[in-house]
C-alpha cells in the first residue's frame, strides 16, 4: 500500500512516557501525562487513550461528512456528533490492548441513511484503516 504523504505531525514525549509530558514539535499543543487512577496512576493529567479518542472522534466525523457528500448519501447535519470511547486493558496473550466504541448521532437523518454514512466513513477515515484487524471497533448509530 503506497501513501502519498501530504502532512506529517510530530510530537516528542519526555519523562516516564505515560507519566511525563508530550508536546507537538510545532509548539501547538503540550500535555502533562499521567496514568488514570484505574491503572494505578494519579489521574492528574491526560493519557494516550484520551488523546486517541479525541483524534479518532474528530477524524471519523470529518470522514463521514466527506463520504456523505462524495457518494451523495445526504447531508450530515451541523449538530452531528461522534463520541469515541477508548478502552485499555490486559490482553490474554500478554501486554495491553485497546478497544474503541464510536457512538454516532445525526439528528434528523433517517436511521438507514445514518448507518450507511457511518459504515462508509470507515472507508475514508485513516484511524479506521489503522485499527482494522488490530483493535476491536464498534460503531453504534444512536
C-alpha atoms as a PDB file:
ATOM      1  CA  UNK A   1       0.000   0.000   0.000  1.00  0.00           C
ATOM      2  CA  UNK A   2       1.513   3.303  -1.072  1.00  0.00           C
ATOM      3  CA  UNK A   3       0.672   6.546   0.691  1.00  0.00           C
ATOM      4  CA  UNK A   4       1.363   9.972  -0.759  1.00  0.00           C
ATOM      5  CA  UNK A   5       2.046  11.862   2.480  1.00  0.00           C
ATOM      6  CA  UNK A   6       0.675  15.428   2.402  1.00  0.00           C
ATOM      7  CA  UNK A   7       1.188  16.330   6.081  1.00  0.00           C
ATOM      8  CA  UNK A   8       3.179  14.967   8.997  1.00  0.00           C
ATOM      9  CA  UNK A   9       2.557  15.738  12.680  1.00  0.00           C
ATOM     10  CA  UNK A  10       5.471  15.198  15.046  1.00  0.00           C
ATOM     11  CA  UNK A  11       5.460  15.074  18.825  1.00  0.00           C
ATOM     12  CA  UNK A  12       8.077  14.364  21.449  1.00  0.00           C
ATOM     13  CA  UNK A  13       7.405  12.581  24.750  1.00  0.00           C
ATOM     14  CA  UNK A  14       9.633  13.135  27.776  1.00  0.00           C
ATOM     15  CA  UNK A  15       9.763  11.831  31.319  1.00  0.00           C
ATOM     16  CA  UNK A  16       8.262   8.464  32.118  1.00  0.00           C
ATOM     17  CA  UNK A  17       6.195   8.010  28.969  1.00  0.00           C
ATOM     18  CA  UNK A  18       2.674   7.614  30.325  1.00  0.00           C
ATOM     19  CA  UNK A  19       3.778   9.617  33.369  1.00  0.00           C
ATOM     20  CA  UNK A  20       5.569  12.579  31.829  1.00  0.00           C
ATOM     21  CA  UNK A  21       4.734  15.040  29.111  1.00  0.00           C
ATOM     22  CA  UNK A  22       4.305  15.200  25.390  1.00  0.00           C
ATOM     23  CA  UNK A  23       4.305  18.160  23.040  1.00  0.00           C
ATOM     24  CA  UNK A  24       3.857  18.793  19.363  1.00  0.00           C
ATOM     25  CA  UNK A  25       7.148  19.775  17.779  1.00  0.00           C
ATOM     26  CA  UNK A  26       5.493  22.873  16.260  1.00  0.00           C
ATOM     27  CA  UNK A  27       4.509  24.127  19.742  1.00  0.00           C
ATOM     28  CA  UNK A  28       0.776  23.908  19.045  1.00  0.00           C
ATOM     29  CA  UNK A  29      -0.128  21.609  21.938  1.00  0.00           C
ATOM     30  CA  UNK A  30       1.583  20.292  25.049  1.00  0.00           C
ATOM     31  CA  UNK A  31       0.065  17.903  27.582  1.00  0.00           C
ATOM     32  CA  UNK A  32       1.005  16.622  31.009  1.00  0.00           C
ATOM     33  CA  UNK A  33       0.586  12.862  31.006  1.00  0.00           C
ATOM     34  CA  UNK A  34      -0.439  10.653  33.901  1.00  0.00           C
ATOM     35  CA  UNK A  35      -1.919   7.169  34.018  1.00  0.00           C
ATOM     36  CA  UNK A  36      -5.601   7.070  35.028  1.00  0.00           C
ATOM     37  CA  UNK A  37      -6.479   6.045  38.568  1.00  0.00           C
ATOM     38  CA  UNK A  38      -7.984   2.823  37.170  1.00  0.00           C
ATOM     39  CA  UNK A  39      -4.484   1.809  36.060  1.00  0.00           C
ATOM     40  CA  UNK A  40      -2.805   2.789  39.313  1.00  0.00           C
ATOM     41  CA  UNK A  41      -1.897   6.337  38.356  1.00  0.00           C
ATOM     42  CA  UNK A  42      -2.673   9.705  39.845  1.00  0.00           C
ATOM     43  CA  UNK A  43      -5.131  10.712  37.124  1.00  0.00           C
ATOM     44  CA  UNK A  44      -3.572  14.188  37.341  1.00  0.00           C
ATOM     45  CA  UNK A  45      -3.016  14.585  33.629  1.00  0.00           C
ATOM     46  CA  UNK A  46      -4.157  13.221  30.324  1.00  0.00           C
ATOM     47  CA  UNK A  47      -3.370   9.811  28.921  1.00  0.00           C
ATOM     48  CA  UNK A  48      -2.750   8.415  25.437  1.00  0.00           C
ATOM     49  CA  UNK A  49      -6.205   6.804  25.288  1.00  0.00           C
ATOM     50  CA  UNK A  50      -7.861  10.193  25.797  1.00  0.00           C
ATOM     51  CA  UNK A  51      -5.755  11.707  23.042  1.00  0.00           C
ATOM     52  CA  UNK A  52      -6.567   8.795  20.731  1.00  0.00           C
ATOM     53  CA  UNK A  53     -10.291   9.251  21.471  1.00  0.00           C
ATOM     54  CA  UNK A  54     -10.087  12.964  20.606  1.00  0.00           C
ATOM     55  CA  UNK A  55      -8.334  12.287  17.323  1.00  0.00           C
ATOM     56  CA  UNK A  56     -10.486   9.351  16.231  1.00  0.00           C
ATOM     57  CA  UNK A  57     -13.760  11.163  17.006  1.00  0.00           C
ATOM     58  CA  UNK A  58     -12.755  14.240  15.017  1.00  0.00           C
ATOM     59  CA  UNK A  59     -11.284  12.322  12.096  1.00  0.00           C
ATOM     60  CA  UNK A  60     -14.237   9.945  11.796  1.00  0.00           C
ATOM     61  CA  UNK A  61     -16.791  12.782  11.872  1.00  0.00           C
ATOM     62  CA  UNK A  62     -14.862  14.509   9.091  1.00  0.00           C
ATOM     63  CA  UNK A  63     -14.697  11.255   7.121  1.00  0.00           C
ATOM     64  CA  UNK A  64     -18.463  10.797   7.386  1.00  0.00           C
ATOM     65  CA  UNK A  65     -19.037  14.352   6.155  1.00  0.00           C
ATOM     66  CA  UNK A  66     -16.675  13.741   3.244  1.00  0.00           C
ATOM     67  CA  UNK A  67     -18.172  10.414   2.183  1.00  0.00           C
ATOM     68  CA  UNK A  68     -21.765  11.643   2.528  1.00  0.00           C
ATOM     69  CA  UNK A  69     -21.046  14.403   0.021  1.00  0.00           C
ATOM     70  CA  UNK A  70     -18.806  12.390  -2.289  1.00  0.00           C
ATOM     71  CA  UNK A  71     -21.243   9.484  -2.520  1.00  0.00           C
ATOM     72  CA  UNK A  72     -24.370  11.687  -2.483  1.00  0.00           C
ATOM     73  CA  UNK A  73     -25.749   9.949   0.603  1.00  0.00           C
ATOM     74  CA  UNK A  74     -27.277  13.132   2.001  1.00  0.00           C
ATOM     75  CA  UNK A  75     -26.017  15.870   4.260  1.00  0.00           C
ATOM     76  CA  UNK A  76     -24.528  15.219   7.673  1.00  0.00           C
ATOM     77  CA  UNK A  77     -26.193  17.833   9.894  1.00  0.00           C
ATOM     78  CA  UNK A  78     -24.156  20.570  11.577  1.00  0.00           C
ATOM     79  CA  UNK A  79     -25.086  19.174  15.001  1.00  0.00           C
ATOM     80  CA  UNK A  80     -23.886  15.648  14.211  1.00  0.00           C
ATOM     81  CA  UNK A  81     -21.500  14.174  16.775  1.00  0.00           C
ATOM     82  CA  UNK A  82     -19.136  11.268  17.220  1.00  0.00           C
ATOM     83  CA  UNK A  83     -18.292  10.125  20.740  1.00  0.00           C
ATOM     84  CA  UNK A  84     -15.220   7.894  20.762  1.00  0.00           C
ATOM     85  CA  UNK A  85     -14.665   5.739  23.839  1.00  0.00           C
ATOM     86  CA  UNK A  86     -11.245   4.087  24.011  1.00  0.00           C
ATOM     87  CA  UNK A  87     -10.728   1.271  26.485  1.00  0.00           C
ATOM     88  CA  UNK A  88      -7.421  -0.226  27.585  1.00  0.00           C
ATOM     89  CA  UNK A  89      -6.719  -3.421  29.453  1.00  0.00           C
ATOM     90  CA  UNK A  90      -4.550  -6.507  29.637  1.00  0.00           C
ATOM     91  CA  UNK A  91      -4.626  -8.959  26.726  1.00  0.00           C
ATOM     92  CA  UNK A  92      -4.905 -12.686  27.338  1.00  0.00           C
ATOM     93  CA  UNK A  93      -1.744 -13.101  25.201  1.00  0.00           C
ATOM     94  CA  UNK A  94       0.156 -10.614  27.374  1.00  0.00           C
ATOM     95  CA  UNK A  95       0.690  -6.893  27.179  1.00  0.00           C
ATOM     96  CA  UNK A  96      -2.159  -4.444  26.791  1.00  0.00           C
ATOM     97  CA  UNK A  97      -4.781  -3.886  24.117  1.00  0.00           C
ATOM     98  CA  UNK A  98      -7.315  -1.274  23.121  1.00  0.00           C
ATOM     99  CA  UNK A  99     -10.981  -1.303  22.199  1.00  0.00           C
ATOM    100  CA  UNK A 100     -12.990   1.506  20.620  1.00  0.00           C
ATOM    101  CA  UNK A 101     -16.679   2.348  20.530  1.00  0.00           C
ATOM    102  CA  UNK A 102     -17.812   5.087  18.152  1.00  0.00           C
ATOM    103  CA  UNK A 103     -21.233   6.487  19.034  1.00  0.00           C
ATOM    104  CA  UNK A 104     -22.635   8.404  16.053  1.00  0.00           C
ATOM    105  CA  UNK A 105     -25.501  10.885  16.318  1.00  0.00           C
ATOM    106  CA  UNK A 106     -27.030  12.504  13.231  1.00  0.00           C
ATOM    107  CA  UNK A 107     -30.208  14.264  14.380  1.00  0.00           C
ATOM    108  CA  UNK A 108     -32.894  14.430  11.721  1.00  0.00           C
ATOM    109  CA  UNK A 109     -31.237  11.876   9.412  1.00  0.00           C
ATOM    110  CA  UNK A 110     -33.109   8.683   8.566  1.00  0.00           C
ATOM    111  CA  UNK A 111     -31.540   5.830  10.558  1.00  0.00           C
ATOM    112  CA  UNK A 112     -30.786   3.702   7.468  1.00  0.00           C
ATOM    113  CA  UNK A 113     -29.036   6.659   5.808  1.00  0.00           C
ATOM    114  CA  UNK A 114     -27.103   7.464   9.004  1.00  0.00           C
ATOM    115  CA  UNK A 115     -25.992   3.833   9.267  1.00  0.00           C
ATOM    116  CA  UNK A 116     -24.826   3.838   5.629  1.00  0.00           C
ATOM    117  CA  UNK A 117     -22.861   7.070   6.151  1.00  0.00           C
ATOM    118  CA  UNK A 118     -21.317   5.636   9.334  1.00  0.00           C
ATOM    119  CA  UNK A 119     -20.370   2.420   7.531  1.00  0.00           C
ATOM    120  CA  UNK A 120     -18.810   4.265   4.582  1.00  0.00           C
ATOM    121  CA  UNK A 121     -16.976   6.667   6.917  1.00  0.00           C
ATOM    122  CA  UNK A 122     -14.689   3.788   7.882  1.00  0.00           C
ATOM    123  CA  UNK A 123     -13.587   3.524   4.239  1.00  0.00           C
ATOM    124  CA  UNK A 124     -12.273   7.117   4.345  1.00  0.00           C
ATOM    125  CA  UNK A 125     -11.020   7.540   7.931  1.00  0.00           C
ATOM    126  CA  UNK A 126      -7.288   6.812   8.400  1.00  0.00           C
ATOM    127  CA  UNK A 127      -7.891   5.897  12.052  1.00  0.00           C
ATOM    128  CA  UNK A 128     -10.311   3.206  10.872  1.00  0.00           C
ATOM    129  CA  UNK A 129      -7.705   1.924   8.424  1.00  0.00           C
ATOM    130  CA  UNK A 130      -5.057   1.841  11.165  1.00  0.00           C
ATOM    131  CA  UNK A 131      -7.279  -0.023  13.620  1.00  0.00           C
ATOM    132  CA  UNK A 132      -8.821  -2.522  11.185  1.00  0.00           C
ATOM    133  CA  UNK A 133      -7.771  -6.011  12.209  1.00  0.00           C
ATOM    134  CA  UNK A 134      -5.784  -4.631  15.160  1.00  0.00           C
ATOM    135  CA  UNK A 135      -8.349  -3.111  17.525  1.00  0.00           C
ATOM    136  CA  UNK A 136     -11.979  -4.079  18.099  1.00  0.00           C
ATOM    137  CA  UNK A 137     -14.023  -1.087  16.862  1.00  0.00           C
ATOM    138  CA  UNK A 138     -17.776  -0.998  17.426  1.00  0.00           C
ATOM    139  CA  UNK A 139     -19.839   1.658  15.661  1.00  0.00           C
ATOM    140  CA  UNK A 140     -23.243   2.500  17.139  1.00  0.00           C
ATOM    141  CA  UNK A 141     -25.674   4.895  15.455  1.00  0.00           C
ATOM    142  CA  UNK A 142     -27.967   6.440  18.073  1.00  0.00           C
END
